[in-house]
Amino acid sequence: MDFTSAIKSGFSNYANFSGRASRSEYWYWFLFNIIVGFALGFIEGALGLYMIDPVLLDPEMPEYGEIGGLGLLSPIANLALFIPSLAMIWRRLHDVDKSGAWWFIWLTCVGAIVLLVWAATKGTAGPNRFGLDPLGTGEALPDPPAPGDGPSLEA
């Protein structure tokens, strides 16, 4: 999946918590969120768009001038992207055959590392309990052989 189709998929599945999301879809969405954050931070800094003026935060400004504050555009973008981002990681966890509820493990220190590993892990090939393979590749595991099929070890 390429960058633009991953972004389209993220917005078309805005609040879809069922199904699966491939690694490329998740990481392109993650990259999109970073790009949006940097772009809005740059715009806020260049235009001085702050909800809370930095002078109110620290009346004795350092000699190099105003630096930061609480941005105006970034919180709006964060609110707009929160639900699709949550749905994306939920579907990504489904791709590695984990329940989306495992997302809450980030509340522990080690849990964030576990989520990072799962997000980077290759998804289950073929269908799993959460749906079909998002890449459409791989075959489902074959059924186990029935008794009497194949060679026997009996003498």
C-alpha atoms as a PDB file:
ATOM      1  CA  MET A   1       0.000   0.000   0.000  1.00  0.00           C
ATOM      2  CA  ASP A   2       1.365   3.419  -0.905  1.00  0.00           C
ATOM      3  CA  PHE A   3       1.216   6.659   1.107  1.00  0.00           C
ATOM      4  CA  THR A   4      -1.866   8.200  -0.522  1.00  0.00           C
ATOM      5  CA  SER A   5      -3.939   5.021  -0.445  1.00  0.00           C
ATOM      6  CA  ALA A   6      -3.027   4.511   3.228  1.00  0.00           C
ATOM      7  CA  ILE A   7      -4.237   8.035   4.050  1.00  0.00           C
ATOM      8  CA  LYS A   8      -7.438   7.477   2.058  1.00  0.00           C
ATOM      9  CA  SER A   9      -7.953   4.198   3.879  1.00  0.00           C
ATOM     10  CA  GLY A  10      -7.393   5.881   7.234  1.00  0.00           C
ATOM     11  CA  PHE A  11     -10.057   8.485   6.546  1.00  0.00           C
ATOM     12  CA  SER A  12     -12.489   6.108   4.815  1.00  0.00           C
ATOM     13  CA  ASN A  13     -12.280   3.799   7.862  1.00  0.00           C
ATOM     14  CA  TYR A  14     -12.539   6.788  10.208  1.00  0.00           C
ATOM     15  CA  ALA A  15     -14.174   4.891  13.065  1.00  0.00           C
ATOM     16  CA  ASN A  16     -13.980   1.324  11.769  1.00  0.00           C
ATOM     17  CA  PHE A  17     -12.576  -0.839  14.548  1.00  0.00           C
ATOM     18  CA  SER A  18     -13.165  -4.130  12.735  1.00  0.00           C
ATOM     19  CA  GLY A  19     -11.016  -5.731  10.097  1.00  0.00           C
ATOM     20  CA  ARG A  20      -7.265  -5.554   9.649  1.00  0.00           C
ATOM     21  CA  ALA A  21      -4.642  -2.945   8.704  1.00  0.00           C
ATOM     22  CA  SER A  22      -1.344  -3.864   7.092  1.00  0.00           C
ATOM     23  CA  ARG A  23       2.023  -2.667   8.367  1.00  0.00           C
ATOM     24  CA  SER A  24       2.454  -0.262   5.476  1.00  0.00           C
ATOM     25  CA  GLU A  25      -1.017   1.200   6.004  1.00  0.00           C
ATOM     26  CA  TYR A  26      -0.328   1.766   9.711  1.00  0.00           C
ATOM     27  CA  TRP A  27       3.166   3.225   9.291  1.00  0.00           C
ATOM     28  CA  TYR A  28       2.141   5.523   6.438  1.00  0.00           C
ATOM     29  CA  TRP A  29      -0.709   6.771   8.649  1.00  0.00           C
ATOM     30  CA  PHE A  30       1.801   7.286  11.463  1.00  0.00           C
ATOM     31  CA  LEU A  31       4.061   9.246   9.081  1.00  0.00           C
ATOM     32  CA  PHE A  32       1.076  11.345   7.962  1.00  0.00           C
ATOM     33  CA  ASN A  33       0.343  12.245  11.598  1.00  0.00           C
ATOM     34  CA  ILE A  34       3.963  13.309  12.125  1.00  0.00           C
ATOM     35  CA  ILE A  35       3.972  15.426   8.959  1.00  0.00           C
ATOM     36  CA  VAL A  36       0.708  17.119   9.980  1.00  0.00           C
ATOM     37  CA  GLY A  37       2.105  17.796  13.454  1.00  0.00           C
ATOM     38  CA  PHE A  38       5.334  19.338  12.161  1.00  0.00           C
ATOM     39  CA  ALA A  39       3.544  21.397   9.518  1.00  0.00           C
ATOM     40  CA  LEU A  40       1.011  22.792  11.974  1.00  0.00           C
ATOM     41  CA  GLY A  41       3.710  23.438  14.565  1.00  0.00           C
ATOM     42  CA  PHE A  42       5.707  25.366  11.974  1.00  0.00           C
ATOM     43  CA  ILE A  43       2.641  27.400  10.935  1.00  0.00           C
ATOM     44  CA  GLU A  44       1.756  28.139  14.552  1.00  0.00           C
ATOM     45  CA  GLY A  45       5.292  29.243  15.285  1.00  0.00           C
ATOM     46  CA  ALA A  46       5.620  31.378  12.166  1.00  0.00           C
ATOM     47  CA  LEU A  47       2.285  33.118  12.636  1.00  0.00           C
ATOM     48  CA  GLY A  48       2.261  33.138  16.441  1.00  0.00           C
ATOM     49  CA  LEU A  49      -1.066  31.299  16.658  1.00  0.00           C
ATOM     50  CA  TYR A  50      -1.325  30.361  20.315  1.00  0.00           C
ATOM     51  CA  MET A  51      -4.320  29.741  22.536  1.00  0.00           C
ATOM     52  CA  ILE A  52      -2.171  30.579  25.541  1.00  0.00           C
ATOM     53  CA  ASP A  53       0.391  33.289  24.907  1.00  0.00           C
ATOM     54  CA  PRO A  54       3.897  32.290  26.029  1.00  0.00           C
ATOM     55  CA  VAL A  55       4.214  35.638  27.870  1.00  0.00           C
ATOM     56  CA  LEU A  56       1.408  34.516  30.185  1.00  0.00           C
ATOM     57  CA  LEU A  57       3.274  31.290  30.881  1.00  0.00           C
ATOM     58  CA  ASP A  58       6.527  33.085  31.757  1.00  0.00           C
ATOM     59  CA  PRO A  59       6.396  36.871  32.175  1.00  0.00           C
ATOM     60  CA  GLU A  60      10.180  37.060  32.346  1.00  0.00           C
ATOM     61  CA  MET A  61      10.911  35.895  28.812  1.00  0.00           C
ATOM     62  CA  PRO A  62      14.422  34.732  27.978  1.00  0.00           C
ATOM     63  CA  GLU A  63      16.551  37.140  25.996  1.00  0.00           C
ATOM     64  CA  TYR A  64      16.036  35.225  22.742  1.00  0.00           C
ATOM     65  CA  GLY A  65      12.335  36.130  22.562  1.00  0.00           C
ATOM     66  CA  GLU A  66       9.044  34.288  22.624  1.00  0.00           C
ATOM     67  CA  ILE A  67       9.256  30.534  22.271  1.00  0.00           C
ATOM     68  CA  GLY A  68       6.150  28.453  22.053  1.00  0.00           C
ATOM     69  CA  GLY A  69       2.962  28.337  23.997  1.00  0.00           C
ATOM     70  CA  LEU A  70      -0.118  26.187  23.524  1.00  0.00           C
ATOM     71  CA  GLY A  71      -0.817  26.089  19.793  1.00  0.00           C
ATOM     72  CA  LEU A  72      -4.158  26.855  18.209  1.00  0.00           C
ATOM     73  CA  LEU A  73      -4.149  24.466  15.233  1.00  0.00           C
ATOM     74  CA  SER A  74      -2.369  21.407  16.656  1.00  0.00           C
ATOM     75  CA  PRO A  75      -4.993  20.540  19.288  1.00  0.00           C
ATOM     76  CA  ILE A  76      -7.719  20.747  16.632  1.00  0.00           C
ATOM     77  CA  ALA A  77      -5.774  18.403  14.348  1.00  0.00           C
ATOM     78  CA  ASN A  78      -5.059  16.047  17.253  1.00  0.00           C
ATOM     79  CA  LEU A  79      -8.767  15.837  18.039  1.00  0.00           C
ATOM     80  CA  ALA A  80      -9.622  15.248  14.373  1.00  0.00           C
ATOM     81  CA  LEU A  81      -6.985  12.512  13.965  1.00  0.00           C
ATOM     82  CA  PHE A  82      -7.421  10.758  17.323  1.00  0.00           C
ATOM     83  CA  ILE A  83     -10.354   8.462  16.402  1.00  0.00           C
ATOM     84  CA  PRO A  84      -8.942   7.366  13.012  1.00  0.00           C
ATOM     85  CA  SER A  85      -5.524   6.801  14.612  1.00  0.00           C
ATOM     86  CA  LEU A  86      -7.077   4.703  17.359  1.00  0.00           C
ATOM     87  CA  ALA A  87      -9.051   2.727  14.773  1.00  0.00           C
ATOM     88  CA  MET A  88      -5.872   2.219  12.733  1.00  0.00           C
ATOM     89  CA  ILE A  89      -3.843   0.768  15.636  1.00  0.00           C
ATOM     90  CA  TRP A  90      -6.874  -1.312  16.628  1.00  0.00           C
ATOM     91  CA  ARG A  91      -7.005  -2.830  13.130  1.00  0.00           C
ATOM     92  CA  ARG A  92      -3.200  -3.198  13.121  1.00  0.00           C
ATOM     93  CA  LEU A  93      -3.436  -5.277  16.282  1.00  0.00           C
ATOM     94  CA  HIS A  94      -6.096  -7.387  14.569  1.00  0.00           C
ATOM     95  CA  ASP A  95      -3.613  -8.026  11.745  1.00  0.00           C
ATOM     96  CA  VAL A  96      -1.172  -9.626  14.195  1.00  0.00           C
ATOM     97  CA  ASP A  97      -4.100 -11.639  15.635  1.00  0.00           C
ATOM     98  CA  LYS A  98      -4.414  -9.630  18.858  1.00  0.00           C
ATOM     99  CA  SER A  99      -7.537  -8.041  20.237  1.00  0.00           C
ATOM    100  CA  GLY A 100      -7.652  -4.288  19.765  1.00  0.00           C
ATOM    101  CA  ALA A 101      -8.152  -3.951  23.513  1.00  0.00           C
ATOM    102  CA  TRP A 102      -4.426  -4.664  23.854  1.00  0.00           C
ATOM    103  CA  TRP A 103      -4.011  -0.975  22.918  1.00  0.00           C
ATOM    104  CA  PHE A 104      -4.557  -0.124  26.581  1.00  0.00           C
ATOM    105  CA  ILE A 105      -1.271  -1.831  27.430  1.00  0.00           C
ATOM    106  CA  TRP A 106       0.476   1.451  26.529  1.00  0.00           C
ATOM    107  CA  LEU A 107      -0.592   2.692  29.965  1.00  0.00           C
ATOM    108  CA  THR A 108       2.267   0.647  31.390  1.00  0.00           C
ATOM    109  CA  CYS A 109       5.866   1.591  30.646  1.00  0.00           C
ATOM    110  CA  VAL A 110       6.711  -1.734  29.039  1.00  0.00           C
ATOM    111  CA  GLY A 111       3.412  -1.829  27.176  1.00  0.00           C
ATOM    112  CA  ALA A 112       4.429   0.949  24.788  1.00  0.00           C
ATOM    113  CA  ILE A 113       7.422  -1.135  23.721  1.00  0.00           C
ATOM    114  CA  VAL A 114       5.204  -4.183  23.228  1.00  0.00           C
ATOM    115  CA  LEU A 115       2.825  -2.137  21.040  1.00  0.00           C
ATOM    116  CA  LEU A 116       5.756  -0.885  18.989  1.00  0.00           C
ATOM    117  CA  VAL A 117       6.957  -4.447  18.421  1.00  0.00           C
ATOM    118  CA  TRP A 118       3.463  -5.617  17.437  1.00  0.00           C
ATOM    119  CA  ALA A 119       3.053  -2.658  15.068  1.00  0.00           C
ATOM    120  CA  ALA A 120       6.323  -3.630  13.358  1.00  0.00           C
ATOM    121  CA  THR A 121       5.536  -7.360  13.241  1.00  0.00           C
ATOM    122  CA  LYS A 122       4.347  -8.939  10.017  1.00  0.00           C
ATOM    123  CA  GLY A 123       0.635  -9.685  10.092  1.00  0.00           C
ATOM    124  CA  THR A 124      -0.924 -13.111   9.967  1.00  0.00           C
ATOM    125  CA  ALA A 125      -0.731 -14.561   6.447  1.00  0.00           C
ATOM    126  CA  GLY A 126      -4.164 -15.369   5.123  1.00  0.00           C
ATOM    127  CA  PRO A 127      -7.399 -14.906   7.006  1.00  0.00           C
ATOM    128  CA  ASN A 128      -7.489 -14.851  10.785  1.00  0.00           C
ATOM    129  CA  ARG A 129     -10.315 -14.438  13.299  1.00  0.00           C
ATOM    130  CA  PHE A 130     -10.538 -10.698  12.485  1.00  0.00           C
ATOM    131  CA  GLY A 131     -10.923 -10.980   8.729  1.00  0.00           C
ATOM    132  CA  LEU A 132      -9.111 -11.454   5.463  1.00  0.00           C
ATOM    133  CA  ASP A 133      -5.472 -10.570   4.871  1.00  0.00           C
ATOM    134  CA  PRO A 134      -5.390  -6.832   4.006  1.00  0.00           C
ATOM    135  CA  LEU A 135      -2.635  -7.448   1.463  1.00  0.00           C
ATOM    136  CA  GLY A 136      -4.525 -10.301  -0.147  1.00  0.00           C
ATOM    137  CA  THR A 137      -1.412 -12.462  -0.003  1.00  0.00           C
ATOM    138  CA  GLY A 138      -0.670 -15.686   1.728  1.00  0.00           C
ATOM    139  CA  GLU A 139      -2.791 -18.693   2.086  1.00  0.00           C
ATOM    140  CA  ALA A 140      -4.664 -19.869   5.102  1.00  0.00           C
ATOM    141  CA  LEU A 141      -2.981 -22.659   6.981  1.00  0.00           C
ATOM    142  CA  PRO A 142      -3.973 -26.028   5.554  1.00  0.00           C
ATOM    143  CA  ASP A 143      -6.243 -28.271   7.559  1.00  0.00           C
ATOM    144  CA  PRO A 144      -4.348 -30.862   9.578  1.00  0.00           C
ATOM    145  CA  PRO A 145      -4.133 -34.255   7.907  1.00  0.00           C
ATOM    146  CA  ALA A 146      -6.876 -36.710   8.722  1.00  0.00           C
ATOM    147  CA  PRO A 147      -5.934 -40.018  10.326  1.00  0.00           C
ATOM    148  CA  GLY A 148      -4.855 -42.428   7.646  1.00  0.00           C
ATOM    149  CA  ASP A 149      -3.571 -39.704   5.282  1.00  0.00           C
ATOM    150  CA  GLY A 150       0.069 -39.941   4.327  1.00  0.00           C
ATOM    151  CA  PRO A 151       2.830 -42.285   5.450  1.00  0.00           C
ATOM    152  CA  SER A 152       2.646 -44.148   8.743  1.00  0.00           C
ATOM    153  CA  LEU A 153       5.422 -44.772  11.237  1.00  0.00           C
ATOM    154  CA  GLU A 154       3.984 -48.089  12.275  1.00  0.00           C
ATOM    155  CA  ALA A 155       6.019 -51.186  11.449  1.00  0.00           C
END
